[in-house]
Amino acid sequence: MIRRLGEKNIIGERVAEARGFRRPQLTQDALSGKLARLGLQLDRAAIAKIENNHRRVLDYELKAIAEALRVQVDWLLGGKR
């Protein structure tokens, strides 16, 4: 996976994809709620910015996002499922 100029992270596409795996689909607001229960405050706008590569993701945020989405950190970083 090659980052394009101007991208702030490499997980945005995978976060959106993982939300779509869930039935019913997990909304950005619902993901925000799951993250809040894990102690991480990211609102819907922040999640949208992550998904659109307009916001950097810190290591502890990456870990919490993976846990909330029930995926591996490596997968979010572009690894195989």
PDB file of N, CA and C in Angstrom:
ATOM      1  N   MET A   1       0.844  -1.163   0.000  1.00  0.00           N
ATOM      2  CA  MET A   1       0.000   0.000   0.000  1.00  0.00           C
ATOM      3  C   MET A   1       0.896   1.236   0.000  1.00  0.00           C
ATOM      4  N   ILE A   2       0.655   2.119  -0.926  1.00  0.00           N
ATOM      5  CA  ILE A   2       1.446   3.332  -1.046  1.00  0.00           C
ATOM      6  C   ILE A   2       0.561   4.525  -0.674  1.00  0.00           C
ATOM      7  N   ARG A   3       1.065   5.366   0.227  1.00  0.00           N
ATOM      8  CA  ARG A   3       0.317   6.560   0.603  1.00  0.00           C
ATOM      9  C   ARG A   3       0.436   7.605  -0.485  1.00  0.00           C
ATOM     10  N   ARG A   4      -0.683   8.256  -0.751  1.00  0.00           N
ATOM     11  CA  ARG A   4      -0.685   9.348  -1.713  1.00  0.00           C
ATOM     12  C   ARG A   4      -0.398  10.655  -0.994  1.00  0.00           C
ATOM     13  N   LEU A   5       0.156  11.586  -1.691  1.00  0.00           N
ATOM     14  CA  LEU A   5       0.477  12.893  -1.136  1.00  0.00           C
ATOM     15  C   LEU A   5      -0.770  13.526  -0.521  1.00  0.00           C
ATOM     16  N   GLY A   6      -0.645  14.015   0.680  1.00  0.00           N
ATOM     17  CA  GLY A   6      -1.755  14.684   1.340  1.00  0.00           C
ATOM     18  C   GLY A   6      -2.576  13.793   2.250  1.00  0.00           C
ATOM     19  N   GLU A   7      -2.407  12.481   2.164  1.00  0.00           N
ATOM     20  CA  GLU A   7      -3.154  11.593   3.049  1.00  0.00           C
ATOM     21  C   GLU A   7      -2.586  11.668   4.454  1.00  0.00           C
ATOM     22  N   LYS A   8      -3.452  11.624   5.440  1.00  0.00           N
ATOM     23  CA  LYS A   8      -3.040  11.741   6.833  1.00  0.00           C
ATOM     24  C   LYS A   8      -2.919  10.387   7.518  1.00  0.00           C
ATOM     25  N   ASN A   9      -3.520   9.334   6.953  1.00  0.00           N
ATOM     26  CA  ASN A   9      -3.454   8.012   7.567  1.00  0.00           C
ATOM     27  C   ASN A   9      -3.649   6.948   6.488  1.00  0.00           C
ATOM     28  N   ILE A  10      -3.458   5.701   6.866  1.00  0.00           N
ATOM     29  CA  ILE A  10      -3.656   4.613   5.901  1.00  0.00           C
ATOM     30  C   ILE A  10      -4.807   3.697   6.308  1.00  0.00           C
ATOM     31  N   ILE A  11      -5.518   4.049   7.387  1.00  0.00           N
ATOM     32  CA  ILE A  11      -6.575   3.157   7.843  1.00  0.00           C
ATOM     33  C   ILE A  11      -7.979   3.598   7.455  1.00  0.00           C
ATOM     34  N   GLY A  12      -8.126   4.794   6.943  1.00  0.00           N
ATOM     35  CA  GLY A  12      -9.457   5.356   6.695  1.00  0.00           C
ATOM     36  C   GLY A  12     -10.372   4.467   5.874  1.00  0.00           C
ATOM     37  N   GLU A  13      -9.869   3.965   4.786  1.00  0.00           N
ATOM     38  CA  GLU A  13     -10.669   3.110   3.913  1.00  0.00           C
ATOM     39  C   GLU A  13     -11.111   1.844   4.644  1.00  0.00           C
ATOM     40  N   ARG A  14     -10.202   1.284   5.430  1.00  0.00           N
ATOM     41  CA  ARG A  14     -10.504   0.051   6.158  1.00  0.00           C
ATOM     42  C   ARG A  14     -11.504   0.291   7.293  1.00  0.00           C
ATOM     43  N   VAL A  15     -11.449   1.457   7.928  1.00  0.00           N
ATOM     44  CA  VAL A  15     -12.427   1.765   8.981  1.00  0.00           C
ATOM     45  C   VAL A  15     -13.829   1.776   8.376  1.00  0.00           C
ATOM     46  N   ALA A  16     -13.983   2.463   7.248  1.00  0.00           N
ATOM     47  CA  ALA A  16     -15.286   2.505   6.581  1.00  0.00           C
ATOM     48  C   ALA A  16     -15.713   1.111   6.150  1.00  0.00           C
ATOM     49  N   GLU A  17     -14.785   0.333   5.632  1.00  0.00           N
ATOM     50  CA  GLU A  17     -15.097  -1.028   5.196  1.00  0.00           C
ATOM     51  C   GLU A  17     -15.552  -1.886   6.380  1.00  0.00           C
ATOM     52  N   ALA A  18     -14.851  -1.798   7.493  1.00  0.00           N
ATOM     53  CA  ALA A  18     -15.200  -2.595   8.678  1.00  0.00           C
ATOM     54  C   ALA A  18     -16.569  -2.194   9.226  1.00  0.00           C
ATOM     55  N   ARG A  19     -16.898  -0.915   9.179  1.00  0.00           N
ATOM     56  CA  ARG A  19     -18.233  -0.492   9.622  1.00  0.00           C
ATOM     57  C   ARG A  19     -19.303  -1.136   8.754  1.00  0.00           C
ATOM     58  N   GLY A  20     -18.997  -1.281   7.466  1.00  0.00           N
ATOM     59  CA  GLY A  20     -19.946  -1.872   6.534  1.00  0.00           C
ATOM     60  C   GLY A  20     -20.111  -3.375   6.677  1.00  0.00           C
ATOM     61  N   PHE A  21     -19.139  -4.046   7.303  1.00  0.00           N
ATOM     62  CA  PHE A  21     -19.228  -5.497   7.515  1.00  0.00           C
ATOM     63  C   PHE A  21     -20.390  -5.857   8.433  1.00  0.00           C
ATOM     64  N   ARG A  22     -20.670  -4.981   9.370  1.00  0.00           N
ATOM     65  CA  ARG A  22     -21.650  -5.262  10.411  1.00  0.00           C
ATOM     66  C   ARG A  22     -23.055  -5.238   9.845  1.00  0.00           C
ATOM     67  N   ARG A  23     -23.908  -6.105  10.374  1.00  0.00           N
ATOM     68  CA  ARG A  23     -25.314  -6.119   9.984  1.00  0.00           C
ATOM     69  C   ARG A  23     -26.151  -5.947  11.223  1.00  0.00           C
ATOM     70  N   PRO A  24     -26.893  -4.863  11.374  1.00  0.00           N
ATOM     71  CA  PRO A  24     -26.923  -3.752  10.435  1.00  0.00           C
ATOM     72  C   PRO A  24     -25.593  -2.993  10.466  1.00  0.00           C
ATOM     73  N   GLN A  25     -25.367  -2.222   9.405  1.00  0.00           N
ATOM     74  CA  GLN A  25     -24.109  -1.484   9.319  1.00  0.00           C
ATOM     75  C   GLN A  25     -23.938  -0.574  10.525  1.00  0.00           C
ATOM     76  N   LEU A  26     -22.707  -0.441  10.954  1.00  0.00           N
ATOM     77  CA  LEU A  26     -22.359   0.415  12.085  1.00  0.00           C
ATOM     78  C   LEU A  26     -22.185   1.840  11.574  1.00  0.00           C
ATOM     79  N   THR A  27     -22.944   2.763  12.111  1.00  0.00           N
ATOM     80  CA  THR A  27     -22.811   4.156  11.686  1.00  0.00           C
ATOM     81  C   THR A  27     -21.581   4.783  12.343  1.00  0.00           C
ATOM     82  N   GLN A  28     -21.189   5.931  11.828  1.00  0.00           N
ATOM     83  CA  GLN A  28     -20.084   6.659  12.451  1.00  0.00           C
ATOM     84  C   GLN A  28     -20.449   7.060  13.875  1.00  0.00           C
ATOM     85  N   ASP A  29     -21.709   7.435  14.106  1.00  0.00           N
ATOM     86  CA  ASP A  29     -22.148   7.781  15.455  1.00  0.00           C
ATOM     87  C   ASP A  29     -22.072   6.576  16.384  1.00  0.00           C
ATOM     88  N   ALA A  30     -22.481   5.408  15.893  1.00  0.00           N
ATOM     89  CA  ALA A  30     -22.430   4.198  16.715  1.00  0.00           C
ATOM     90  C   ALA A  30     -20.983   3.826  17.034  1.00  0.00           C
ATOM     91  N   LEU A  31     -20.086   3.980  16.065  1.00  0.00           N
ATOM     92  CA  LEU A  31     -18.670   3.720  16.319  1.00  0.00           C
ATOM     93  C   LEU A  31     -18.141   4.692  17.359  1.00  0.00           C
ATOM     94  N   SER A  32     -18.545   5.937  17.271  1.00  0.00           N
ATOM     95  CA  SER A  32     -18.148   6.936  18.261  1.00  0.00           C
ATOM     96  C   SER A  32     -18.577   6.500  19.659  1.00  0.00           C
ATOM     97  N   GLY A  33     -19.786   5.975  19.785  1.00  0.00           N
ATOM     98  CA  GLY A  33     -20.286   5.492  21.060  1.00  0.00           C
ATOM     99  C   GLY A  33     -19.487   4.314  21.589  1.00  0.00           C
ATOM    100  N   LYS A  34     -19.146   3.368  20.704  1.00  0.00           N
ATOM    101  CA  LYS A  34     -18.330   2.218  21.105  1.00  0.00           C
ATOM    102  C   LYS A  34     -16.955   2.679  21.601  1.00  0.00           C
ATOM    103  N   LEU A  35     -16.385   3.646  20.898  1.00  0.00           N
ATOM    104  CA  LEU A  35     -15.078   4.172  21.299  1.00  0.00           C
ATOM    105  C   LEU A  35     -15.169   4.888  22.646  1.00  0.00           C
ATOM    106  N   ALA A  36     -16.257   5.616  22.873  1.00  0.00           N
ATOM    107  CA  ALA A  36     -16.443   6.309  24.151  1.00  0.00           C
ATOM    108  C   ALA A  36     -16.495   5.298  25.295  1.00  0.00           C
ATOM    109  N   ARG A  37     -17.153   4.159  25.075  1.00  0.00           N
ATOM    110  CA  ARG A  37     -17.221   3.130  26.111  1.00  0.00           C
ATOM    111  C   ARG A  37     -15.850   2.521  26.387  1.00  0.00           C
ATOM    112  N   LEU A  38     -14.944   2.627  25.408  1.00  0.00           N
ATOM    113  CA  LEU A  38     -13.570   2.154  25.594  1.00  0.00           C
ATOM    114  C   LEU A  38     -12.661   3.251  26.152  1.00  0.00           C
ATOM    115  N   GLY A  39     -13.223   4.445  26.367  1.00  0.00           N
ATOM    116  CA  GLY A  39     -12.459   5.544  26.937  1.00  0.00           C
ATOM    117  C   GLY A  39     -11.836   6.485  25.932  1.00  0.00           C
ATOM    118  N   LEU A  40     -12.218   6.366  24.664  1.00  0.00           N
ATOM    119  CA  LEU A  40     -11.659   7.235  23.618  1.00  0.00           C
ATOM    120  C   LEU A  40     -12.760   8.130  23.071  1.00  0.00           C
ATOM    121  N   GLN A  41     -12.566   9.426  23.163  1.00  0.00           N
ATOM    122  CA  GLN A  41     -13.555  10.385  22.693  1.00  0.00           C
ATOM    123  C   GLN A  41     -13.238  10.825  21.263  1.00  0.00           C
ATOM    124  N   LEU A  42     -13.920  10.220  20.307  1.00  0.00           N
ATOM    125  CA  LEU A  42     -13.850  10.635  18.903  1.00  0.00           C
ATOM    126  C   LEU A  42     -15.287  10.815  18.433  1.00  0.00           C
ATOM    127  N   ASP A  43     -15.647  12.022  18.030  1.00  0.00           N
ATOM    128  CA  ASP A  43     -17.019  12.225  17.569  1.00  0.00           C
ATOM    129  C   ASP A  43     -17.170  11.786  16.113  1.00  0.00           C
ATOM    130  N   ARG A  44     -18.403  11.869  15.615  1.00  0.00           N
ATOM    131  CA  ARG A  44     -18.703  11.432  14.250  1.00  0.00           C
ATOM    132  C   ARG A  44     -17.859  12.195  13.233  1.00  0.00           C
ATOM    133  N   ALA A  45     -17.664  13.479  13.457  1.00  0.00           N
ATOM    134  CA  ALA A  45     -16.873  14.291  12.524  1.00  0.00           C
ATOM    135  C   ALA A  45     -15.422  13.812  12.472  1.00  0.00           C
ATOM    136  N   ALA A  46     -14.856  13.451  13.622  1.00  0.00           N
ATOM    137  CA  ALA A  46     -13.475  12.956  13.658  1.00  0.00           C
ATOM    138  C   ALA A  46     -13.364  11.627  12.908  1.00  0.00           C
ATOM    139  N   ILE A  47     -14.358  10.764  13.078  1.00  0.00           N
ATOM    140  CA  ILE A  47     -14.351   9.482  12.369  1.00  0.00           C
ATOM    141  C   ILE A  47     -14.467   9.713  10.864  1.00  0.00           C
ATOM    142  N   ALA A  48     -15.310  10.653  10.463  1.00  0.00           N
ATOM    143  CA  ALA A  48     -15.436  10.991   9.042  1.00  0.00           C
ATOM    144  C   ALA A  48     -14.102  11.494   8.490  1.00  0.00           C
ATOM    145  N   LYS A  49     -13.410  12.321   9.256  1.00  0.00           N
ATOM    146  CA  LYS A  49     -12.108  12.839   8.811  1.00  0.00           C
ATOM    147  C   LYS A  49     -11.085  11.716   8.686  1.00  0.00           C
ATOM    148  N   ILE A  50     -11.127  10.750   9.609  1.00  0.00           N
ATOM    149  CA  ILE A  50     -10.228   9.597   9.515  1.00  0.00           C
ATOM    150  C   ILE A  50     -10.537   8.814   8.249  1.00  0.00           C
ATOM    151  N   GLU A  51     -11.813   8.538   8.023  1.00  0.00           N
ATOM    152  CA  GLU A  51     -12.206   7.755   6.842  1.00  0.00           C
ATOM    153  C   GLU A  51     -11.864   8.461   5.537  1.00  0.00           C
ATOM    154  N   ASN A  52     -11.838   9.779   5.555  1.00  0.00           N
ATOM    155  CA  ASN A  52     -11.527  10.555   4.348  1.00  0.00           C
ATOM    156  C   ASN A  52     -10.067  10.988   4.287  1.00  0.00           C
ATOM    157  N   ASN A  53      -9.245  10.429   5.177  1.00  0.00           N
ATOM    158  CA  ASN A  53      -7.807  10.710   5.214  1.00  0.00           C
ATOM    159  C   ASN A  53      -7.470  12.181   5.462  1.00  0.00           C
ATOM    160  N   HIS A  54      -8.301  12.846   6.254  1.00  0.00           N
ATOM    161  CA  HIS A  54      -8.057  14.246   6.590  1.00  0.00           C
ATOM    162  C   HIS A  54      -7.618  14.421   8.038  1.00  0.00           C
ATOM    163  N   ARG A  55      -7.444  13.303   8.745  1.00  0.00           N
ATOM    164  CA  ARG A  55      -7.041  13.367  10.157  1.00  0.00           C
ATOM    165  C   ARG A  55      -6.048  12.257  10.449  1.00  0.00           C
ATOM    166  N   ARG A  56      -5.015  12.607  11.169  1.00  0.00           N
ATOM    167  CA  ARG A  56      -4.033  11.605  11.598  1.00  0.00           C
ATOM    168  C   ARG A  56      -4.643  10.747  12.702  1.00  0.00           C
ATOM    169  N   VAL A  57      -4.121   9.535  12.837  1.00  0.00           N
ATOM    170  CA  VAL A  57      -4.582   8.611  13.870  1.00  0.00           C
ATOM    171  C   VAL A  57      -3.393   8.284  14.777  1.00  0.00           C
ATOM    172  N   LEU A  58      -3.582   8.500  16.063  1.00  0.00           N
ATOM    173  CA  LEU A  58      -2.544   8.185  17.034  1.00  0.00           C
ATOM    174  C   LEU A  58      -2.562   6.698  17.342  1.00  0.00           C
ATOM    175  N   ASP A  59      -1.439   6.186  17.859  1.00  0.00           N
ATOM    176  CA  ASP A  59      -1.334   4.743  18.097  1.00  0.00           C
ATOM    177  C   ASP A  59      -2.403   4.217  19.044  1.00  0.00           C
ATOM    178  N   TYR A  60      -2.692   4.922  20.117  1.00  0.00           N
ATOM    179  CA  TYR A  60      -3.708   4.449  21.046  1.00  0.00           C
ATOM    180  C   TYR A  60      -5.111   4.521  20.435  1.00  0.00           C
ATOM    181  N   GLU A  61      -5.324   5.468  19.513  1.00  0.00           N
ATOM    182  CA  GLU A  61      -6.596   5.538  18.799  1.00  0.00           C
ATOM    183  C   GLU A  61      -6.738   4.340  17.869  1.00  0.00           C
ATOM    184  N   LEU A  62      -5.657   3.994  17.181  1.00  0.00           N
ATOM    185  CA  LEU A  62      -5.657   2.844  16.282  1.00  0.00           C
ATOM    186  C   LEU A  62      -6.052   1.577  17.029  1.00  0.00           C
ATOM    187  N   LYS A  63      -5.468   1.389  18.190  1.00  0.00           N
ATOM    188  CA  LYS A  63      -5.760   0.202  18.990  1.00  0.00           C
ATOM    189  C   LYS A  63      -7.230   0.161  19.403  1.00  0.00           C
ATOM    190  N   ALA A  64      -7.763   1.280  19.856  1.00  0.00           N
ATOM    191  CA  ALA A  64      -9.162   1.337  20.274  1.00  0.00           C
ATOM    192  C   ALA A  64     -10.115   1.156  19.092  1.00  0.00           C
ATOM    193  N   ILE A  65      -9.791   1.741  17.960  1.00  0.00           N
ATOM    194  CA  ILE A  65     -10.631   1.588  16.768  1.00  0.00           C
ATOM    195  C   ILE A  65     -10.690   0.125  16.355  1.00  0.00           C
ATOM    196  N   ALA A  66      -9.555  -0.544  16.358  1.00  0.00           N
ATOM    197  CA  ALA A  66      -9.521  -1.973  16.013  1.00  0.00           C
ATOM    198  C   ALA A  66     -10.389  -2.772  16.977  1.00  0.00           C
ATOM    199  N   GLU A  67     -10.282  -2.478  18.259  1.00  0.00           N
ATOM    200  CA  GLU A  67     -11.080  -3.205  19.254  1.00  0.00           C
ATOM    201  C   GLU A  67     -12.572  -2.951  19.051  1.00  0.00           C
ATOM    202  N   ALA A  68     -12.944  -1.699  18.828  1.00  0.00           N
ATOM    203  CA  ALA A  68     -14.354  -1.350  18.648  1.00  0.00           C
ATOM    204  C   ALA A  68     -14.940  -2.004  17.400  1.00  0.00           C
ATOM    205  N   LEU A  69     -14.121  -2.120  16.358  1.00  0.00           N
ATOM    206  CA  LEU A  69     -14.590  -2.713  15.098  1.00  0.00           C
ATOM    207  C   LEU A  69     -14.412  -4.231  15.054  1.00  0.00           C
ATOM    208  N   ARG A  70     -13.746  -4.780  16.088  1.00  0.00           N
ATOM    209  CA  ARG A  70     -13.470  -6.219  16.172  1.00  0.00           C
ATOM    210  C   ARG A  70     -12.651  -6.713  14.976  1.00  0.00           C
ATOM    211  N   VAL A  71     -11.604  -5.949  14.675  1.00  0.00           N
ATOM    212  CA  VAL A  71     -10.652  -6.334  13.624  1.00  0.00           C
ATOM    213  C   VAL A  71      -9.245  -6.206  14.196  1.00  0.00           C
ATOM    214  N   GLN A  72      -8.287  -6.777  13.510  1.00  0.00           N
ATOM    215  CA  GLN A  72      -6.896  -6.701  13.929  1.00  0.00           C
ATOM    216  C   GLN A  72      -6.289  -5.367  13.480  1.00  0.00           C
ATOM    217  N   VAL A  73      -5.400  -4.837  14.292  1.00  0.00           N
ATOM    218  CA  VAL A  73      -4.688  -3.610  13.937  1.00  0.00           C
ATOM    219  C   VAL A  73      -3.986  -3.783  12.597  1.00  0.00           C
ATOM    220  N   ASP A  74      -3.343  -4.953  12.404  1.00  0.00           N
ATOM    221  CA  ASP A  74      -2.634  -5.211  11.150  1.00  0.00           C
ATOM    222  C   ASP A  74      -3.561  -5.110   9.946  1.00  0.00           C
ATOM    223  N   TRP A  75      -4.783  -5.579  10.081  1.00  0.00           N
ATOM    224  CA  TRP A  75      -5.736  -5.479   8.972  1.00  0.00           C
ATOM    225  C   TRP A  75      -6.046  -4.017   8.669  1.00  0.00           C
ATOM    226  N   LEU A  76      -6.272  -3.214   9.719  1.00  0.00           N
ATOM    227  CA  LEU A  76      -6.536  -1.794   9.496  1.00  0.00           C
ATOM    228  C   LEU A  76      -5.371  -1.118   8.777  1.00  0.00           C
ATOM    229  N   LEU A  77      -4.158  -1.624   9.040  1.00  0.00           N
ATOM    230  CA  LEU A  77      -2.969  -1.042   8.417  1.00  0.00           C
ATOM    231  C   LEU A  77      -2.705  -1.574   7.018  1.00  0.00           C
ATOM    232  N   GLY A  78      -3.617  -2.394   6.491  1.00  0.00           N
ATOM    233  CA  GLY A  78      -3.492  -2.861   5.114  1.00  0.00           C
ATOM    234  C   GLY A  78      -3.160  -4.325   4.984  1.00  0.00           C
ATOM    235  N   GLY A  79      -3.038  -5.043   6.100  1.00  0.00           N
ATOM    236  CA  GLY A  79      -2.750  -6.471   6.045  1.00  0.00           C
ATOM    237  C   GLY A  79      -3.940  -7.279   5.577  1.00  0.00           C
ATOM    238  N   LYS A  80      -3.709  -8.560   5.433  1.00  0.00           N
ATOM    239  CA  LYS A  80      -4.777  -9.462   4.999  1.00  0.00           C
ATOM    240  C   LYS A  80      -5.695  -9.766   6.171  1.00  0.00           C
ATOM    241  N   ARG A  81      -6.942 -10.018   5.877  1.00  0.00           N
ATOM    242  CA  ARG A  81      -7.956 -10.295   6.918  1.00  0.00           C
ATOM    243  C   ARG A  81      -7.755 -11.655   7.502  1.00  0.00           C
TER     244      ARG A  81
END
